[in-house]
Amino acid sequence: MRAESDIVARLSGDEFVVVLPHLASPDVTAVAGKLAAALSAPYMIADRELRMTPSIGIGICPRDAGDVETLIKYADTAMYAAKANGGARFCYFSPEMNQEATDRLLIELRLREGMEQGLLTMHYQPKIDMTGRLTGLEA
């Protein structure tokens, strides 16, 4: 934390939001890197070493959004992109991420509709070893 106006708040179970209102855009990468390094440092609890793998999503105001709710949503989208890329990293929001998330939700919706309407059927494919013996099935 750098200034009195900086905020850290718990959003949900394992999600936190950090608001740095006076941080210049060029400094965001350095601060995100320092935050990731600090959170990734090992912790000793009851003689056990524990490590976190923080995935950090970054949204910048007003570039990405002008209101808090949208900015948090976009940072959350970027966080999931960081997780999808292996976690323990940070990722900036981009408009393309929003489209990808919308596309994934649409696919999920269509799959649910297909299941509810009985439009999907299960097909099994045999798994055969080098000797020609059946070793299992895969869906």
Foldseek 3Di string as FASTA:
>chain_A
DPDPPWDWAAPDDPDIDTDDPPDDPVCPQVVQVVVLVVQQDWDADPNDTDGDFAQWFAFDPPVRHPDDVRRVVQSVLQSVVCVVVPTSHYGYGDVVSVVVVVVVVVVVVVVVVCVVVVVDDDDWDFDADPVRDTDDIDD
